[in-house]
Amino acid sequence: ALLHDAFMIVAVFSLFRIEVDVTFIAAVLTIIGYSINDTIVTFDRVRENLHKIRVITKPEQIDKIVNRSIRQTLTRSINTVLTAVIFVVALLISVASSIFTLALAFFIGLVSGVFSSVFIAVPLWGMMKKQQLKKAPNHKLVVYREKRK
């Protein structure tokens, strides 16, 4: 998901032949940090939902966890990115060319960041877990164990 975000910014800048400078690098690093934060929030919700199921025996259970986790974090992710995008669009409209590169990279990165953390990272995790379930002995995955005292 992080590579997707950085690649999208670089691809748009390459496509439109926009000059890359120090502010571009700062924007890419900032977007990677934002994407890490958003992905952590989504995977934390996956972890919480995994604790409720303890043992996975069917691929449908993995789909249920993925869908529930995405639904629970989607509103938060969209609200967070919309707040930032409103500010970035205001920057794109009103600033001089010196900050235009930064604002454009932020805009592209924010939109691709929310897309990748919600629609790429968690479904990819689900696909990997399904493969792990197929290879597991007895087709059973233990995802949560009680801690011994």
N, C-alpha and C. Protein backbone atom coordinates (compact mmCIF):
# COMPACT_ATOMS: atom_id res chain seq x y z
N ALA A 1 0.83 -1.20 0.00
CA ALA A 1 0.00 0.00 0.00
C ALA A 1 0.88 1.26 0.00
N LEU A 2 1.97 1.22 0.74
CA LEU A 2 2.86 2.40 0.77
C LEU A 2 3.52 2.62 -0.58
N LEU A 3 3.92 1.53 -1.21
CA LEU A 3 4.53 1.66 -2.54
C LEU A 3 3.52 2.20 -3.54
N HIS A 4 2.28 1.81 -3.40
CA HIS A 4 1.22 2.30 -4.28
C HIS A 4 1.10 3.82 -4.16
N ASP A 5 1.11 4.33 -2.94
CA ASP A 5 0.96 5.78 -2.73
C ASP A 5 2.11 6.56 -3.35
N ALA A 6 3.32 6.11 -3.06
CA ALA A 6 4.49 6.80 -3.62
C ALA A 6 4.52 6.68 -5.14
N PHE A 7 4.16 5.51 -5.66
CA PHE A 7 4.15 5.32 -7.10
C PHE A 7 3.12 6.22 -7.78
N MET A 8 1.96 6.39 -7.18
CA MET A 8 0.92 7.23 -7.78
C MET A 8 1.39 8.68 -7.90
N ILE A 9 2.04 9.17 -6.86
CA ILE A 9 2.54 10.56 -6.90
C ILE A 9 3.59 10.70 -8.00
N VAL A 10 4.54 9.78 -8.02
CA VAL A 10 5.61 9.83 -9.03
C VAL A 10 5.03 9.67 -10.43
N ALA A 11 4.05 8.80 -10.59
CA ALA A 11 3.45 8.57 -11.91
C ALA A 11 2.75 9.82 -12.43
N VAL A 12 1.99 10.49 -11.58
CA VAL A 12 1.29 11.71 -12.03
C VAL A 12 2.29 12.80 -12.37
N PHE A 13 3.30 12.95 -11.55
CA PHE A 13 4.32 13.97 -11.82
C PHE A 13 5.07 13.65 -13.11
N SER A 14 5.34 12.38 -13.36
CA SER A 14 6.02 11.99 -14.60
C SER A 14 5.12 12.18 -15.81
N LEU A 15 3.86 11.83 -15.65
CA LEU A 15 2.91 11.93 -16.75
C LEU A 15 2.74 13.37 -17.23
N PHE A 16 2.65 14.30 -16.28
CA PHE A 16 2.46 15.71 -16.64
C PHE A 16 3.77 16.49 -16.70
N ARG A 17 4.89 15.78 -16.54
CA ARG A 17 6.23 16.38 -16.62
C ARG A 17 6.38 17.59 -15.70
N ILE A 18 5.98 17.39 -14.45
CA ILE A 18 6.11 18.43 -13.44
C ILE A 18 7.48 18.28 -12.78
N GLU A 19 8.14 19.39 -12.56
CA GLU A 19 9.49 19.37 -12.00
C GLU A 19 9.47 18.82 -10.57
N VAL A 20 10.43 17.98 -10.29
CA VAL A 20 10.58 17.39 -8.96
C VAL A 20 11.65 18.19 -8.21
N ASP A 21 11.29 18.64 -7.01
CA ASP A 21 12.24 19.40 -6.20
C ASP A 21 12.18 18.90 -4.76
N VAL A 22 12.77 19.66 -3.86
CA VAL A 22 12.84 19.26 -2.46
C VAL A 22 11.44 19.16 -1.84
N THR A 23 10.55 20.06 -2.21
CA THR A 23 9.19 20.01 -1.64
C THR A 23 8.46 18.74 -2.09
N PHE A 24 8.76 18.25 -3.27
CA PHE A 24 8.16 17.01 -3.74
C PHE A 24 8.58 15.84 -2.84
N ILE A 25 9.87 15.78 -2.53
CA ILE A 25 10.38 14.71 -1.65
C ILE A 25 9.72 14.81 -0.28
N ALA A 26 9.60 16.03 0.25
CA ALA A 26 8.94 16.22 1.54
C ALA A 26 7.49 15.76 1.49
N ALA A 27 6.81 16.05 0.39
CA ALA A 27 5.41 15.64 0.25
C ALA A 27 5.28 14.12 0.19
N VAL A 28 6.16 13.47 -0.55
CA VAL A 28 6.11 12.00 -0.65
C VAL A 28 6.34 11.37 0.72
N LEU A 29 7.32 11.86 1.46
CA LEU A 29 7.59 11.32 2.80
C LEU A 29 6.43 11.57 3.75
N THR A 30 5.81 12.74 3.64
CA THR A 30 4.65 13.05 4.49
C THR A 30 3.48 12.13 4.16
N ILE A 31 3.24 11.89 2.90
CA ILE A 31 2.14 11.02 2.49
C ILE A 31 2.40 9.58 2.92
N ILE A 32 3.64 9.14 2.88
CA ILE A 32 3.96 7.80 3.36
C ILE A 32 3.64 7.70 4.86
N GLY A 33 3.99 8.73 5.61
CA GLY A 33 3.65 8.75 7.04
C GLY A 33 2.16 8.75 7.27
N TYR A 34 1.42 9.53 6.50
CA TYR A 34 -0.03 9.55 6.62
C TYR A 34 -0.62 8.18 6.29
N SER A 35 -0.12 7.57 5.24
CA SER A 35 -0.63 6.27 4.82
C SER A 35 -0.33 5.19 5.87
N ILE A 36 0.85 5.25 6.47
CA ILE A 36 1.18 4.31 7.55
C ILE A 36 0.18 4.46 8.69
N ASN A 37 -0.11 5.68 9.07
CA ASN A 37 -1.06 5.92 10.16
C ASN A 37 -2.44 5.36 9.81
N ASP A 38 -2.92 5.64 8.62
CA ASP A 38 -4.24 5.18 8.20
C ASP A 38 -4.29 3.65 8.12
N THR A 39 -3.23 3.04 7.64
CA THR A 39 -3.17 1.59 7.54
C THR A 39 -3.12 0.95 8.92
N ILE A 40 -2.40 1.56 9.85
CA ILE A 40 -2.33 1.04 11.22
C ILE A 40 -3.71 1.06 11.87
N VAL A 41 -4.45 2.13 11.67
CA VAL A 41 -5.80 2.22 12.24
C VAL A 41 -6.68 1.11 11.69
N THR A 42 -6.61 0.87 10.39
CA THR A 42 -7.44 -0.16 9.76
C THR A 42 -7.03 -1.55 10.25
N PHE A 43 -5.74 -1.83 10.32
CA PHE A 43 -5.29 -3.14 10.77
C PHE A 43 -5.52 -3.34 12.27
N ASP A 44 -5.56 -2.28 13.03
CA ASP A 44 -5.92 -2.41 14.44
C ASP A 44 -7.36 -2.89 14.57
N ARG A 45 -8.21 -2.39 13.70
CA ARG A 45 -9.60 -2.85 13.71
C ARG A 45 -9.69 -4.31 13.27
N VAL A 46 -8.85 -4.72 12.32
CA VAL A 46 -8.80 -6.13 11.93
C VAL A 46 -8.39 -6.98 13.13
N ARG A 47 -7.39 -6.52 13.86
CA ARG A 47 -6.93 -7.27 15.04
C ARG A 47 -8.04 -7.40 16.08
N GLU A 48 -8.78 -6.32 16.31
CA GLU A 48 -9.89 -6.38 17.27
C GLU A 48 -10.96 -7.37 16.82
N ASN A 49 -11.25 -7.38 15.53
CA ASN A 49 -12.26 -8.31 15.02
C ASN A 49 -11.76 -9.75 15.02
N LEU A 50 -10.46 -9.95 14.88
CA LEU A 50 -9.89 -11.30 14.97
C LEU A 50 -10.02 -11.87 16.37
N HIS A 51 -9.90 -11.02 17.38
CA HIS A 51 -10.02 -11.49 18.76
C HIS A 51 -11.41 -12.05 19.05
N LYS A 52 -12.38 -11.58 18.31
CA LYS A 52 -13.76 -12.06 18.53
C LYS A 52 -13.96 -13.46 17.96
N ILE A 53 -13.19 -13.82 16.93
CA ILE A 53 -13.36 -15.16 16.30
C ILE A 53 -12.29 -16.12 16.81
N ARG A 54 -11.44 -16.15 17.42
CA ARG A 54 -10.40 -17.05 17.92
C ARG A 54 -9.86 -18.08 16.92
N VAL A 55 -10.74 -18.84 16.21
CA VAL A 55 -10.27 -19.86 15.26
C VAL A 55 -10.98 -19.67 13.93
N ILE A 56 -10.21 -19.67 12.84
CA ILE A 56 -10.79 -19.53 11.51
C ILE A 56 -10.77 -20.89 10.84
N THR A 57 -11.94 -21.34 10.39
CA THR A 57 -12.03 -22.63 9.71
C THR A 57 -12.52 -22.49 8.27
N LYS A 58 -13.12 -21.35 7.92
CA LYS A 58 -13.67 -21.15 6.57
C LYS A 58 -13.17 -19.84 5.98
N PRO A 59 -12.95 -19.79 4.67
CA PRO A 59 -12.54 -18.54 4.04
C PRO A 59 -13.58 -17.42 4.21
N GLU A 60 -14.84 -17.79 4.35
CA GLU A 60 -15.89 -16.79 4.53
C GLU A 60 -15.69 -15.99 5.82
N GLN A 61 -15.10 -16.62 6.82
CA GLN A 61 -14.83 -15.91 8.07
C GLN A 61 -13.80 -14.79 7.84
N ILE A 62 -12.82 -15.06 7.01
CA ILE A 62 -11.81 -14.04 6.69
C ILE A 62 -12.46 -12.89 5.94
N ASP A 63 -13.32 -13.22 4.96
CA ASP A 63 -14.04 -12.17 4.23
C ASP A 63 -14.88 -11.32 5.18
N LYS A 64 -15.51 -11.96 6.13
CA LYS A 64 -16.35 -11.25 7.10
C LYS A 64 -15.51 -10.29 7.95
N ILE A 65 -14.34 -10.75 8.38
CA ILE A 65 -13.45 -9.89 9.17
C ILE A 65 -12.98 -8.70 8.34
N VAL A 66 -12.58 -8.96 7.10
CA VAL A 66 -12.11 -7.88 6.22
C VAL A 66 -13.21 -6.86 5.98
N ASN A 67 -14.40 -7.33 5.62
CA ASN A 67 -15.50 -6.42 5.33
C ASN A 67 -15.93 -5.63 6.56
N ARG A 68 -16.01 -6.29 7.70
CA ARG A 68 -16.41 -5.60 8.93
C ARG A 68 -15.38 -4.54 9.31
N SER A 69 -14.12 -4.87 9.19
CA SER A 69 -13.05 -3.93 9.56
C SER A 69 -13.06 -2.71 8.63
N ILE A 70 -13.25 -2.94 7.34
CA ILE A 70 -13.30 -1.82 6.40
C ILE A 70 -14.51 -0.95 6.68
N ARG A 71 -15.67 -1.56 6.91
CA ARG A 71 -16.87 -0.77 7.21
C ARG A 71 -16.69 0.07 8.47
N GLN A 72 -16.03 -0.48 9.47
CA GLN A 72 -15.86 0.23 10.73
C GLN A 72 -14.89 1.41 10.62
N THR A 73 -13.94 1.35 9.71
CA THR A 73 -12.96 2.43 9.59
C THR A 73 -13.16 3.33 8.39
N LEU A 74 -14.07 2.98 7.50
CA LEU A 74 -14.24 3.74 6.26
C LEU A 74 -14.66 5.18 6.53
N THR A 75 -15.63 5.39 7.41
CA THR A 75 -16.09 6.75 7.70
C THR A 75 -14.97 7.59 8.28
N ARG A 76 -14.20 7.02 9.19
CA ARG A 76 -13.09 7.76 9.79
C ARG A 76 -12.05 8.12 8.74
N SER A 77 -11.73 7.17 7.87
CA SER A 77 -10.73 7.43 6.84
C SER A 77 -11.19 8.51 5.86
N ILE A 78 -12.44 8.42 5.43
CA ILE A 78 -12.96 9.41 4.48
C ILE A 78 -13.04 10.79 5.12
N ASN A 79 -13.52 10.87 6.35
CA ASN A 79 -13.60 12.17 7.03
C ASN A 79 -12.22 12.79 7.21
N THR A 80 -11.25 11.99 7.58
CA THR A 80 -9.90 12.50 7.77
C THR A 80 -9.31 13.02 6.47
N VAL A 81 -9.46 12.25 5.40
CA VAL A 81 -8.88 12.68 4.13
C VAL A 81 -9.64 13.86 3.55
N LEU A 82 -10.96 13.93 3.73
CA LEU A 82 -11.71 15.08 3.23
C LEU A 82 -11.29 16.37 3.91
N THR A 83 -11.06 16.30 5.21
CA THR A 83 -10.60 17.48 5.93
C THR A 83 -9.27 17.98 5.37
N ALA A 84 -8.35 17.06 5.15
CA ALA A 84 -7.05 17.45 4.60
C ALA A 84 -7.16 17.90 3.14
N VAL A 85 -8.00 17.24 2.35
CA VAL A 85 -8.14 17.59 0.93
C VAL A 85 -8.74 18.98 0.77
N ILE A 86 -9.67 19.36 1.62
CA ILE A 86 -10.25 20.72 1.55
C ILE A 86 -9.15 21.75 1.71
N PHE A 87 -8.28 21.54 2.68
CA PHE A 87 -7.16 22.45 2.90
C PHE A 87 -6.20 22.45 1.70
N VAL A 88 -5.90 21.28 1.17
CA VAL A 88 -4.96 21.18 0.06
C VAL A 88 -5.54 21.82 -1.21
N VAL A 89 -6.83 21.65 -1.45
CA VAL A 89 -7.46 22.28 -2.62
C VAL A 89 -7.40 23.80 -2.47
N ALA A 90 -7.63 24.30 -1.26
CA ALA A 90 -7.50 25.74 -1.03
C ALA A 90 -6.07 26.20 -1.33
N LEU A 91 -5.09 25.41 -0.96
CA LEU A 91 -3.70 25.74 -1.29
C LEU A 91 -3.46 25.72 -2.80
N LEU A 92 -4.00 24.72 -3.47
CA LEU A 92 -3.82 24.62 -4.93
C LEU A 92 -4.41 25.83 -5.65
N ILE A 93 -5.53 26.32 -5.17
CA ILE A 93 -6.21 27.43 -5.83
C ILE A 93 -5.52 28.76 -5.55
N SER A 94 -5.05 28.95 -4.33
CA SER A 94 -4.64 30.29 -3.92
C SER A 94 -3.14 30.56 -3.82
N VAL A 95 -2.29 29.57 -3.96
CA VAL A 95 -0.87 29.83 -3.70
C VAL A 95 -0.08 30.03 -4.98
N ALA A 96 1.11 30.50 -4.77
CA ALA A 96 2.04 30.73 -5.88
C ALA A 96 2.64 29.39 -6.33
N SER A 97 3.42 29.44 -7.36
CA SER A 97 4.00 28.23 -7.92
C SER A 97 5.01 27.56 -6.99
N SER A 98 5.52 28.29 -6.01
CA SER A 98 6.53 27.70 -5.12
C SER A 98 5.95 26.58 -4.27
N ILE A 99 4.70 26.66 -3.90
CA ILE A 99 4.09 25.63 -3.06
C ILE A 99 3.15 24.74 -3.88
N PHE A 100 2.96 25.05 -5.14
CA PHE A 100 2.05 24.27 -5.98
C PHE A 100 2.47 22.80 -6.05
N THR A 101 3.77 22.56 -6.19
CA THR A 101 4.28 21.18 -6.26
C THR A 101 3.94 20.42 -4.99
N LEU A 102 4.14 21.05 -3.85
CA LEU A 102 3.84 20.43 -2.57
C LEU A 102 2.35 20.13 -2.45
N ALA A 103 1.51 21.10 -2.77
CA ALA A 103 0.06 20.92 -2.64
C ALA A 103 -0.46 19.85 -3.60
N LEU A 104 0.05 19.83 -4.81
CA LEU A 104 -0.38 18.82 -5.78
C LEU A 104 0.02 17.42 -5.33
N ALA A 105 1.24 17.28 -4.85
CA ALA A 105 1.69 15.98 -4.35
C ALA A 105 0.86 15.54 -3.14
N PHE A 106 0.54 16.48 -2.26
CA PHE A 106 -0.32 16.17 -1.12
C PHE A 106 -1.69 15.68 -1.59
N PHE A 107 -2.26 16.38 -2.55
CA PHE A 107 -3.60 16.02 -3.04
C PHE A 107 -3.60 14.60 -3.62
N ILE A 108 -2.66 14.33 -4.50
CA ILE A 108 -2.58 13.00 -5.12
C ILE A 108 -2.32 11.94 -4.06
N GLY A 109 -1.41 12.22 -3.15
CA GLY A 109 -1.05 11.26 -2.11
C GLY A 109 -2.18 10.98 -1.14
N LEU A 110 -2.92 12.00 -0.76
CA LEU A 110 -4.03 11.80 0.17
C LEU A 110 -5.12 10.93 -0.44
N VAL A 111 -5.46 11.21 -1.68
CA VAL A 111 -6.51 10.43 -2.34
C VAL A 111 -6.05 8.99 -2.55
N SER A 112 -4.83 8.80 -3.04
CA SER A 112 -4.36 7.43 -3.25
C SER A 112 -4.08 6.73 -1.92
N GLY A 113 -3.72 7.50 -0.89
CA GLY A 113 -3.45 6.91 0.42
C GLY A 113 -4.67 6.30 1.06
N VAL A 114 -5.78 7.02 1.02
CA VAL A 114 -7.01 6.46 1.60
C VAL A 114 -7.49 5.28 0.77
N PHE A 115 -7.31 5.35 -0.54
CA PHE A 115 -7.71 4.23 -1.40
C PHE A 115 -6.89 2.99 -1.08
N SER A 116 -5.58 3.15 -0.97
CA SER A 116 -4.72 1.98 -0.76
C SER A 116 -4.88 1.38 0.63
N SER A 117 -5.03 2.21 1.65
CA SER A 117 -5.14 1.65 2.99
C SER A 117 -6.47 0.94 3.20
N VAL A 118 -7.52 1.36 2.50
CA VAL A 118 -8.82 0.73 2.67
C VAL A 118 -9.04 -0.39 1.65
N PHE A 119 -8.72 -0.15 0.39
CA PHE A 119 -9.10 -1.09 -0.66
C PHE A 119 -7.97 -1.97 -1.18
N ILE A 120 -6.76 -1.76 -0.71
CA ILE A 120 -5.65 -2.62 -1.16
C ILE A 120 -5.05 -3.39 0.01
N ALA A 121 -4.67 -2.71 1.08
CA ALA A 121 -3.93 -3.35 2.17
C ALA A 121 -4.73 -4.45 2.86
N VAL A 122 -5.94 -4.14 3.30
CA VAL A 122 -6.72 -5.12 4.06
C VAL A 122 -7.21 -6.27 3.17
N PRO A 123 -7.74 -6.01 1.97
CA PRO A 123 -8.09 -7.15 1.11
C PRO A 123 -6.89 -8.03 0.74
N LEU A 124 -5.72 -7.42 0.57
CA LEU A 124 -4.52 -8.20 0.30
C LEU A 124 -4.18 -9.09 1.49
N TRP A 125 -4.33 -8.56 2.70
CA TRP A 125 -4.14 -9.36 3.91
C TRP A 125 -5.12 -10.53 3.92
N GLY A 126 -6.37 -10.26 3.55
CA GLY A 126 -7.38 -11.32 3.52
C GLY A 126 -7.03 -12.42 2.53
N MET A 127 -6.53 -12.04 1.37
CA MET A 127 -6.13 -13.05 0.38
C MET A 127 -4.97 -13.89 0.90
N MET A 128 -4.02 -13.24 1.59
CA MET A 128 -2.89 -13.98 2.14
C MET A 128 -3.35 -14.94 3.24
N LYS A 129 -4.29 -14.51 4.06
CA LYS A 129 -4.81 -15.38 5.12
C LYS A 129 -5.56 -16.57 4.54
N LYS A 130 -6.28 -16.37 3.43
CA LYS A 130 -6.99 -17.48 2.79
C LYS A 130 -6.00 -18.52 2.27
N GLN A 131 -4.89 -18.07 1.70
CA GLN A 131 -3.85 -18.99 1.25
C GLN A 131 -3.25 -19.74 2.44
N GLN A 132 -3.04 -19.03 3.53
CA GLN A 132 -2.50 -19.64 4.73
C GLN A 132 -3.49 -20.68 5.28
N LEU A 133 -4.79 -20.39 5.19
CA LEU A 133 -5.81 -21.32 5.67
C LEU A 133 -5.81 -22.60 4.84
N LYS A 134 -5.63 -22.49 3.53
CA LYS A 134 -5.60 -23.67 2.66
C LYS A 134 -4.42 -24.58 3.00
N LYS A 135 -3.29 -23.98 3.36
CA LYS A 135 -2.08 -24.76 3.65
C LYS A 135 -2.02 -25.25 5.09
N ALA A 136 -2.87 -24.72 5.96
CA ALA A 136 -2.83 -25.06 7.38
C ALA A 136 -3.29 -26.51 7.60
N PRO A 137 -2.70 -27.16 8.60
CA PRO A 137 -3.17 -28.51 8.93
C PRO A 137 -4.62 -28.45 9.41
N ASN A 138 -5.42 -29.38 8.96
CA ASN A 138 -6.85 -29.45 9.30
C ASN A 138 -7.63 -28.23 8.82
N HIS A 139 -7.04 -27.43 7.94
CA HIS A 139 -7.69 -26.21 7.42
C HIS A 139 -8.25 -25.36 8.56
N LYS A 140 -7.39 -25.11 9.53
CA LYS A 140 -7.81 -24.35 10.71
C LYS A 140 -6.69 -23.39 11.10
N LEU A 141 -7.03 -22.12 11.32
CA LEU A 141 -6.07 -21.12 11.79
C LEU A 141 -6.48 -20.65 13.17
N VAL A 142 -5.56 -20.76 14.12
CA VAL A 142 -5.81 -20.21 15.44
C VAL A 142 -5.27 -18.79 15.42
N VAL A 143 -6.16 -17.81 15.59
CA VAL A 143 -5.74 -16.42 15.47
C VAL A 143 -5.62 -15.72 16.81
N TYR A 144 -6.13 -16.35 17.86
CA TYR A 144 -6.05 -15.71 19.17
C TYR A 144 -5.97 -16.77 20.24
N ARG A 145 -5.03 -16.61 21.13
CA ARG A 145 -4.90 -17.53 22.27
C ARG A 145 -4.90 -16.72 23.55
N GLU A 146 -5.51 -17.28 24.57
CA GLU A 146 -5.51 -16.63 25.88
C GLU A 146 -4.09 -16.61 26.44
N LYS A 147 -3.74 -15.53 27.08
CA LYS A 147 -2.43 -15.45 27.72
C LYS A 147 -2.48 -16.23 29.03
N ARG A 148 -1.44 -17.00 29.26
CA ARG A 148 -1.37 -17.77 30.51
C ARG A 148 -0.85 -16.90 31.62
N LYS A 149 -1.42 -17.08 32.78
CA LYS A 149 -1.01 -16.26 33.93
C LYS A 149 -0.10 -17.02 34.84
